[in-house]
Amino acid sequence: MRISDSVANYILELLNQAGGIAEIQRNELASFLGCVPSQINYVLTSRFTPEQGYLVESRRGGGGYIRITRLQIAKADMIMHVVNAVGDSLDSATARTMLENMVQRGVLERMAAELIQAAVSDKSLAAAPKELRDTVRAMIYKNMLLATRV
């Protein structure tokens, strides 16, 4: 397991134990998990974003902390938030991560996420020129998500 996965899993466990809100001290967490503090920052900025249903606040200084809050958003609102966050381009890894997050949060059924992932995979888009794949992927992804709201 990669260190970023370990950090993310540890933070998710803290969130689950604390009812959706966790406060951490970056340096202490890095020391506990045996990584550098910048790895904590990377995980927070890549896996705990508003698009993925999290609010991250930080307070600097001696008694500083990072507070991570799992947002409680209605399913339809979460889907619209993701659709709006995608923009005009979407790479395969980001699509997969966002789908997995929606499954974990109960926004999408596993089967729906797997179908969307299959539709936006590089294999499915192989006929599209490489420079257009991320644009086509974003269009398909958004339209499929919107279809799940019905």
N, C-alpha and C. Protein backbone atom coordinates (compact mmCIF):
# COMPACT_ATOMS: atom_id res chain seq x y z
N MET A 1 0.85 -1.18 0.00
CA MET A 1 0.00 0.00 0.00
C MET A 1 0.89 1.24 0.00
N ARG A 2 0.56 2.19 -0.85
CA ARG A 2 1.34 3.43 -0.92
C ARG A 2 1.10 4.28 0.32
N ILE A 3 2.05 5.14 0.63
CA ILE A 3 1.94 5.97 1.82
C ILE A 3 0.74 6.91 1.72
N SER A 4 0.45 7.42 0.50
CA SER A 4 -0.71 8.32 0.36
C SER A 4 -2.01 7.57 0.66
N ASP A 5 -2.08 6.28 0.30
CA ASP A 5 -3.26 5.48 0.64
C ASP A 5 -3.36 5.29 2.14
N SER A 6 -2.23 5.05 2.79
CA SER A 6 -2.22 4.88 4.25
C SER A 6 -2.67 6.15 4.96
N VAL A 7 -2.19 7.30 4.49
CA VAL A 7 -2.58 8.58 5.09
C VAL A 7 -4.08 8.81 4.89
N ALA A 8 -4.55 8.60 3.68
CA ALA A 8 -5.98 8.81 3.38
C ALA A 8 -6.85 7.87 4.22
N ASN A 9 -6.46 6.61 4.30
CA ASN A 9 -7.25 5.65 5.08
C ASN A 9 -7.27 6.01 6.56
N TYR A 10 -6.14 6.48 7.08
CA TYR A 10 -6.08 6.88 8.48
C TYR A 10 -7.01 8.07 8.74
N ILE A 11 -6.98 9.05 7.84
CA ILE A 11 -7.85 10.22 7.99
C ILE A 11 -9.32 9.82 7.88
N LEU A 12 -9.64 8.94 6.94
CA LEU A 12 -11.02 8.46 6.80
C LEU A 12 -11.48 7.75 8.07
N GLU A 13 -10.60 6.96 8.66
CA GLU A 13 -10.93 6.27 9.90
C GLU A 13 -11.19 7.29 11.02
N LEU A 14 -10.35 8.32 11.09
CA LEU A 14 -10.58 9.39 12.09
C LEU A 14 -11.94 10.05 11.87
N LEU A 15 -12.27 10.32 10.62
CA LEU A 15 -13.56 10.94 10.31
C LEU A 15 -14.71 10.03 10.72
N ASN A 16 -14.59 8.75 10.45
CA ASN A 16 -15.65 7.81 10.81
C ASN A 16 -15.82 7.71 12.33
N GLN A 17 -14.73 7.70 13.05
CA GLN A 17 -14.78 7.61 14.51
C GLN A 17 -15.32 8.87 15.15
N ALA A 18 -15.06 10.02 14.51
CA ALA A 18 -15.42 11.30 15.12
C ALA A 18 -16.71 11.88 14.54
N GLY A 19 -17.47 11.09 13.81
CA GLY A 19 -18.75 11.57 13.29
C GLY A 19 -18.64 12.57 12.16
N GLY A 20 -17.57 12.51 11.39
CA GLY A 20 -17.46 13.35 10.21
C GLY A 20 -16.60 14.59 10.34
N ILE A 21 -16.05 14.83 11.52
CA ILE A 21 -15.16 15.98 11.71
C ILE A 21 -13.92 15.50 12.45
N ALA A 22 -12.76 15.78 11.88
CA ALA A 22 -11.51 15.37 12.53
C ALA A 22 -10.54 16.53 12.51
N GLU A 23 -9.83 16.70 13.60
CA GLU A 23 -8.76 17.69 13.68
C GLU A 23 -7.44 16.96 13.83
N ILE A 24 -6.49 17.35 13.01
CA ILE A 24 -5.17 16.72 13.06
C ILE A 24 -4.11 17.79 13.13
N GLN A 25 -2.95 17.40 13.61
CA GLN A 25 -1.78 18.26 13.53
C GLN A 25 -0.85 17.59 12.54
N ARG A 26 -0.54 18.32 11.49
CA ARG A 26 0.18 17.77 10.35
C ARG A 26 1.49 17.09 10.75
N ASN A 27 2.30 17.78 11.52
CA ASN A 27 3.60 17.23 11.90
C ASN A 27 3.46 15.98 12.75
N GLU A 28 2.51 16.00 13.69
CA GLU A 28 2.30 14.83 14.54
C GLU A 28 1.81 13.64 13.73
N LEU A 29 0.88 13.89 12.79
CA LEU A 29 0.37 12.81 11.96
C LEU A 29 1.48 12.24 11.07
N ALA A 30 2.28 13.12 10.50
CA ALA A 30 3.40 12.68 9.66
C ALA A 30 4.36 11.82 10.47
N SER A 31 4.67 12.23 11.67
CA SER A 31 5.57 11.47 12.53
C SER A 31 4.96 10.12 12.87
N PHE A 32 3.68 10.10 13.21
CA PHE A 32 2.99 8.87 13.57
C PHE A 32 2.97 7.88 12.41
N LEU A 33 2.72 8.39 11.18
CA LEU A 33 2.61 7.52 10.02
C LEU A 33 3.95 7.27 9.32
N GLY A 34 5.00 7.96 9.78
CA GLY A 34 6.32 7.75 9.20
C GLY A 34 6.48 8.33 7.80
N CYS A 35 5.98 9.52 7.62
CA CYS A 35 6.12 10.19 6.33
C CYS A 35 6.50 11.65 6.56
N VAL A 36 6.71 12.37 5.49
CA VAL A 36 7.03 13.79 5.61
C VAL A 36 5.73 14.60 5.64
N PRO A 37 5.73 15.75 6.30
CA PRO A 37 4.51 16.57 6.38
C PRO A 37 3.93 16.95 5.02
N SER A 38 4.78 17.13 4.02
CA SER A 38 4.25 17.49 2.70
C SER A 38 3.38 16.38 2.12
N GLN A 39 3.60 15.13 2.55
CA GLN A 39 2.75 14.02 2.09
C GLN A 39 1.34 14.18 2.63
N ILE A 40 1.22 14.67 3.85
CA ILE A 40 -0.10 14.95 4.43
C ILE A 40 -0.79 16.02 3.60
N ASN A 41 -0.06 17.08 3.25
CA ASN A 41 -0.63 18.15 2.42
C ASN A 41 -1.11 17.60 1.09
N TYR A 42 -0.29 16.75 0.46
CA TYR A 42 -0.65 16.17 -0.84
C TYR A 42 -1.97 15.39 -0.74
N VAL A 43 -2.08 14.57 0.27
CA VAL A 43 -3.29 13.76 0.44
C VAL A 43 -4.50 14.67 0.67
N LEU A 44 -4.34 15.69 1.50
CA LEU A 44 -5.46 16.59 1.77
C LEU A 44 -5.91 17.34 0.51
N THR A 45 -4.96 17.79 -0.29
CA THR A 45 -5.33 18.57 -1.48
C THR A 45 -5.81 17.69 -2.63
N SER A 46 -5.45 16.41 -2.62
CA SER A 46 -5.88 15.55 -3.73
C SER A 46 -7.07 14.66 -3.40
N ARG A 47 -7.27 14.33 -2.14
CA ARG A 47 -8.32 13.37 -1.79
C ARG A 47 -9.41 13.91 -0.88
N PHE A 48 -9.22 15.08 -0.33
CA PHE A 48 -10.20 15.64 0.59
C PHE A 48 -10.60 17.03 0.09
N THR A 49 -11.16 17.06 -1.10
CA THR A 49 -11.54 18.30 -1.75
C THR A 49 -13.05 18.51 -1.64
N PRO A 50 -13.53 19.71 -1.88
CA PRO A 50 -14.97 19.94 -1.89
C PRO A 50 -15.69 19.07 -2.92
N GLU A 51 -15.05 18.81 -4.07
CA GLU A 51 -15.65 17.96 -5.09
C GLU A 51 -15.86 16.54 -4.59
N GLN A 52 -15.04 16.16 -3.64
CA GLN A 52 -15.14 14.81 -3.07
C GLN A 52 -15.93 14.81 -1.77
N GLY A 53 -16.49 15.97 -1.41
CA GLY A 53 -17.37 16.05 -0.25
C GLY A 53 -16.71 16.39 1.06
N TYR A 54 -15.59 17.12 1.01
CA TYR A 54 -14.88 17.48 2.23
C TYR A 54 -14.55 18.97 2.26
N LEU A 55 -14.51 19.50 3.46
CA LEU A 55 -14.05 20.86 3.69
C LEU A 55 -12.81 20.76 4.56
N VAL A 56 -11.73 21.38 4.12
CA VAL A 56 -10.47 21.34 4.88
C VAL A 56 -10.13 22.77 5.27
N GLU A 57 -9.98 22.97 6.58
CA GLU A 57 -9.61 24.28 7.12
C GLU A 57 -8.31 24.11 7.89
N SER A 58 -7.46 25.13 7.83
CA SER A 58 -6.22 25.02 8.60
C SER A 58 -5.99 26.29 9.39
N ARG A 59 -5.37 26.10 10.52
CA ARG A 59 -4.97 27.21 11.38
C ARG A 59 -3.49 27.04 11.65
N ARG A 60 -2.74 28.02 11.27
CA ARG A 60 -1.28 27.95 11.41
C ARG A 60 -0.86 28.43 12.78
N GLY A 61 0.38 28.14 13.12
CA GLY A 61 0.93 28.60 14.39
C GLY A 61 1.23 27.45 15.31
N GLY A 62 1.67 27.78 16.52
CA GLY A 62 2.08 26.77 17.49
C GLY A 62 0.98 25.79 17.84
N GLY A 63 -0.22 26.27 18.01
CA GLY A 63 -1.35 25.39 18.33
C GLY A 63 -2.18 25.11 17.10
N GLY A 64 -1.56 25.20 15.95
CA GLY A 64 -2.28 25.05 14.70
C GLY A 64 -2.82 23.65 14.48
N TYR A 65 -3.81 23.56 13.64
CA TYR A 65 -4.42 22.27 13.35
C TYR A 65 -5.00 22.31 11.94
N ILE A 66 -5.37 21.16 11.48
CA ILE A 66 -6.11 21.03 10.22
C ILE A 66 -7.41 20.34 10.58
N ARG A 67 -8.53 20.96 10.23
CA ARG A 67 -9.85 20.39 10.51
C ARG A 67 -10.43 19.91 9.17
N ILE A 68 -10.82 18.64 9.14
CA ILE A 68 -11.43 18.04 7.96
C ILE A 68 -12.87 17.72 8.31
N THR A 69 -13.79 18.22 7.50
CA THR A 69 -15.21 18.00 7.75
C THR A 69 -15.82 17.30 6.54
N ARG A 70 -16.49 16.19 6.79
CA ARG A 70 -17.23 15.51 5.73
C ARG A 70 -18.54 16.26 5.56
N LEU A 71 -18.76 16.79 4.37
CA LEU A 71 -19.95 17.58 4.10
C LEU A 71 -21.16 16.66 3.92
N GLN A 72 -22.27 17.10 4.45
CA GLN A 72 -23.52 16.35 4.29
C GLN A 72 -24.32 17.04 3.18
N ILE A 73 -24.29 16.45 2.01
CA ILE A 73 -24.94 17.03 0.85
C ILE A 73 -25.92 16.02 0.29
N ALA A 74 -27.09 16.49 -0.13
CA ALA A 74 -28.07 15.61 -0.76
C ALA A 74 -27.46 14.99 -2.02
N LYS A 75 -27.90 13.78 -2.36
CA LYS A 75 -27.33 13.06 -3.49
C LYS A 75 -27.40 13.88 -4.78
N ALA A 76 -28.54 14.44 -5.07
CA ALA A 76 -28.70 15.21 -6.31
C ALA A 76 -27.78 16.43 -6.31
N ASP A 77 -27.64 17.08 -5.16
CA ASP A 77 -26.76 18.24 -5.06
C ASP A 77 -25.29 17.83 -5.23
N MET A 78 -24.93 16.68 -4.66
CA MET A 78 -23.56 16.19 -4.79
C MET A 78 -23.24 15.89 -6.25
N ILE A 79 -24.16 15.27 -6.95
CA ILE A 79 -23.94 14.98 -8.37
C ILE A 79 -23.79 16.27 -9.15
N MET A 80 -24.63 17.25 -8.89
CA MET A 80 -24.51 18.53 -9.60
C MET A 80 -23.19 19.22 -9.25
N HIS A 81 -22.76 19.11 -8.03
CA HIS A 81 -21.49 19.70 -7.62
C HIS A 81 -20.34 19.05 -8.40
N VAL A 82 -20.37 17.73 -8.52
CA VAL A 82 -19.33 17.02 -9.26
C VAL A 82 -19.39 17.40 -10.73
N VAL A 83 -20.58 17.44 -11.31
CA VAL A 83 -20.73 17.82 -12.72
C VAL A 83 -20.13 19.20 -12.96
N ASN A 84 -20.43 20.14 -12.09
CA ASN A 84 -19.90 21.49 -12.24
C ASN A 84 -18.39 21.55 -12.02
N ALA A 85 -17.88 20.69 -11.17
CA ALA A 85 -16.45 20.69 -10.86
C ALA A 85 -15.61 20.08 -11.99
N VAL A 86 -16.21 19.23 -12.79
CA VAL A 86 -15.46 18.54 -13.84
C VAL A 86 -14.91 19.51 -14.88
N GLY A 87 -15.70 20.46 -15.29
CA GLY A 87 -15.22 21.41 -16.30
C GLY A 87 -15.18 20.79 -17.68
N ASP A 88 -14.23 21.25 -18.50
CA ASP A 88 -14.17 20.84 -19.90
C ASP A 88 -13.23 19.68 -20.16
N SER A 89 -12.53 19.22 -19.14
CA SER A 89 -11.53 18.18 -19.33
C SER A 89 -11.48 17.29 -18.08
N LEU A 90 -11.30 15.99 -18.30
CA LEU A 90 -11.25 15.06 -17.18
C LEU A 90 -10.35 13.89 -17.54
N ASP A 91 -9.33 13.66 -16.70
CA ASP A 91 -8.45 12.52 -16.96
C ASP A 91 -9.05 11.27 -16.31
N SER A 92 -8.58 10.13 -16.74
CA SER A 92 -9.13 8.85 -16.30
C SER A 92 -8.98 8.62 -14.80
N ALA A 93 -7.83 8.96 -14.25
CA ALA A 93 -7.59 8.73 -12.82
C ALA A 93 -8.52 9.58 -11.95
N THR A 94 -8.73 10.82 -12.34
CA THR A 94 -9.62 11.69 -11.57
C THR A 94 -11.05 11.19 -11.65
N ALA A 95 -11.46 10.75 -12.83
CA ALA A 95 -12.81 10.21 -13.00
C ALA A 95 -13.02 9.02 -12.08
N ARG A 96 -12.05 8.12 -12.04
CA ARG A 96 -12.13 6.91 -11.20
C ARG A 96 -12.20 7.30 -9.72
N THR A 97 -11.37 8.24 -9.30
CA THR A 97 -11.35 8.66 -7.90
C THR A 97 -12.68 9.29 -7.49
N MET A 98 -13.22 10.14 -8.35
CA MET A 98 -14.48 10.80 -8.03
C MET A 98 -15.62 9.77 -7.97
N LEU A 99 -15.62 8.81 -8.88
CA LEU A 99 -16.65 7.77 -8.85
C LEU A 99 -16.57 6.94 -7.58
N GLU A 100 -15.36 6.55 -7.21
CA GLU A 100 -15.19 5.75 -5.99
C GLU A 100 -15.66 6.52 -4.77
N ASN A 101 -15.36 7.81 -4.74
CA ASN A 101 -15.81 8.63 -3.62
C ASN A 101 -17.34 8.69 -3.56
N MET A 102 -17.98 8.82 -4.72
CA MET A 102 -19.45 8.88 -4.74
C MET A 102 -20.06 7.55 -4.30
N VAL A 103 -19.41 6.44 -4.63
CA VAL A 103 -19.90 5.13 -4.18
C VAL A 103 -19.76 5.04 -2.66
N GLN A 104 -18.59 5.43 -2.14
CA GLN A 104 -18.36 5.36 -0.69
C GLN A 104 -19.34 6.22 0.08
N ARG A 105 -19.74 7.32 -0.51
CA ARG A 105 -20.67 8.23 0.17
C ARG A 105 -22.13 7.87 -0.06
N GLY A 106 -22.37 6.83 -0.87
CA GLY A 106 -23.74 6.41 -1.13
C GLY A 106 -24.47 7.25 -2.16
N VAL A 107 -23.73 8.05 -2.91
CA VAL A 107 -24.34 8.90 -3.94
C VAL A 107 -24.64 8.08 -5.19
N LEU A 108 -23.77 7.11 -5.50
CA LEU A 108 -23.94 6.24 -6.66
C LEU A 108 -23.89 4.79 -6.22
N GLU A 109 -24.66 3.96 -6.89
CA GLU A 109 -24.54 2.51 -6.70
C GLU A 109 -23.26 2.05 -7.37
N ARG A 110 -22.67 0.99 -6.87
CA ARG A 110 -21.43 0.44 -7.43
C ARG A 110 -21.58 0.13 -8.92
N MET A 111 -22.70 -0.47 -9.32
CA MET A 111 -22.90 -0.84 -10.73
C MET A 111 -22.92 0.39 -11.62
N ALA A 112 -23.59 1.46 -11.19
CA ALA A 112 -23.64 2.69 -11.98
C ALA A 112 -22.24 3.27 -12.15
N ALA A 113 -21.46 3.26 -11.07
CA ALA A 113 -20.09 3.78 -11.13
C ALA A 113 -19.24 2.94 -12.08
N GLU A 114 -19.40 1.63 -12.04
CA GLU A 114 -18.64 0.76 -12.94
C GLU A 114 -19.01 0.99 -14.40
N LEU A 115 -20.29 1.22 -14.66
CA LEU A 115 -20.72 1.50 -16.04
C LEU A 115 -20.15 2.84 -16.53
N ILE A 116 -20.19 3.84 -15.68
CA ILE A 116 -19.63 5.14 -16.06
C ILE A 116 -18.13 5.01 -16.29
N GLN A 117 -17.45 4.29 -15.39
CA GLN A 117 -16.00 4.11 -15.55
C GLN A 117 -15.69 3.39 -16.86
N ALA A 118 -16.47 2.38 -17.20
CA ALA A 118 -16.25 1.67 -18.47
C ALA A 118 -16.46 2.61 -19.65
N ALA A 119 -17.48 3.45 -19.57
CA ALA A 119 -17.78 4.35 -20.68
C ALA A 119 -16.71 5.41 -20.89
N VAL A 120 -16.05 5.83 -19.82
CA VAL A 120 -15.05 6.90 -19.94
C VAL A 120 -13.62 6.39 -19.89
N SER A 121 -13.44 5.08 -19.97
CA SER A 121 -12.10 4.50 -19.91
C SER A 121 -11.31 4.82 -21.18
N ASP A 122 -10.00 4.76 -21.06
CA ASP A 122 -9.15 4.97 -22.23
C ASP A 122 -9.44 3.95 -23.31
N LYS A 123 -9.79 2.74 -22.92
CA LYS A 123 -10.12 1.70 -23.90
C LYS A 123 -11.36 2.09 -24.71
N SER A 124 -12.39 2.61 -24.04
CA SER A 124 -13.60 3.03 -24.73
C SER A 124 -13.36 4.24 -25.63
N LEU A 125 -12.41 5.08 -25.25
CA LEU A 125 -12.14 6.30 -26.00
C LEU A 125 -10.96 6.15 -26.96
N ALA A 126 -10.52 4.93 -27.21
CA ALA A 126 -9.34 4.68 -28.03
C ALA A 126 -9.47 5.25 -29.44
N ALA A 127 -10.68 5.32 -29.99
CA ALA A 127 -10.86 5.84 -31.35
C ALA A 127 -10.74 7.36 -31.42
N ALA A 128 -10.89 8.01 -30.27
CA ALA A 128 -10.77 9.48 -30.23
C ALA A 128 -9.30 9.86 -30.21
N PRO A 129 -8.93 10.93 -30.91
CA PRO A 129 -7.53 11.38 -30.86
C PRO A 129 -7.13 11.67 -29.41
N LYS A 130 -5.88 11.36 -29.07
CA LYS A 130 -5.41 11.52 -27.69
C LYS A 130 -5.65 12.92 -27.14
N GLU A 131 -5.45 13.93 -27.98
CA GLU A 131 -5.60 15.30 -27.50
C GLU A 131 -7.05 15.68 -27.21
N LEU A 132 -8.00 14.85 -27.64
CA LEU A 132 -9.42 15.12 -27.38
C LEU A 132 -10.04 14.20 -26.33
N ARG A 133 -9.33 13.17 -25.92
CA ARG A 133 -9.91 12.17 -25.02
C ARG A 133 -10.41 12.76 -23.71
N ASP A 134 -9.63 13.62 -23.09
CA ASP A 134 -10.06 14.17 -21.80
C ASP A 134 -11.29 15.07 -21.94
N THR A 135 -11.42 15.72 -23.09
CA THR A 135 -12.60 16.55 -23.35
C THR A 135 -13.82 15.67 -23.58
N VAL A 136 -13.66 14.65 -24.40
CA VAL A 136 -14.77 13.72 -24.67
C VAL A 136 -15.15 13.00 -23.37
N ARG A 137 -14.16 12.58 -22.60
CA ARG A 137 -14.40 11.89 -21.32
C ARG A 137 -15.25 12.77 -20.40
N ALA A 138 -14.90 14.05 -20.31
CA ALA A 138 -15.65 14.97 -19.44
C ALA A 138 -17.10 15.08 -19.89
N MET A 139 -17.32 15.17 -21.18
CA MET A 139 -18.70 15.29 -21.69
C MET A 139 -19.52 14.04 -21.38
N ILE A 140 -18.95 12.88 -21.64
CA ILE A 140 -19.65 11.62 -21.36
C ILE A 140 -19.90 11.46 -19.87
N TYR A 141 -18.88 11.73 -19.07
CA TYR A 141 -18.96 11.59 -17.62
C TYR A 141 -20.10 12.45 -17.06
N LYS A 142 -20.12 13.72 -17.44
CA LYS A 142 -21.14 14.63 -16.93
C LYS A 142 -22.54 14.19 -17.37
N ASN A 143 -22.69 13.79 -18.61
CA ASN A 143 -24.00 13.38 -19.09
C ASN A 143 -24.47 12.09 -18.42
N MET A 144 -23.57 11.17 -18.17
CA MET A 144 -23.97 9.95 -17.47
C MET A 144 -24.34 10.24 -16.02
N LEU A 145 -23.59 11.11 -15.37
CA LEU A 145 -23.95 11.47 -14.00
C LEU A 145 -25.32 12.14 -13.94
N LEU A 146 -25.58 13.03 -14.90
CA LEU A 146 -26.88 13.70 -14.93
C LEU A 146 -28.01 12.70 -15.16
N ALA A 147 -27.74 11.65 -15.92
CA ALA A 147 -28.76 10.62 -16.17
C ALA A 147 -29.07 9.82 -14.91
N THR A 148 -28.13 9.76 -13.95
CA THR A 148 -28.37 9.00 -12.72
C THR A 148 -29.29 9.75 -11.77
N ARG A 149 -29.49 11.03 -12.01
CA ARG A 149 -30.35 11.84 -11.13
C ARG A 149 -31.83 11.57 -11.35
N VAL A 150 -32.15 10.98 -12.49
CA VAL A 150 -33.56 10.77 -12.86
C VAL A 150 -34.21 9.75 -11.97
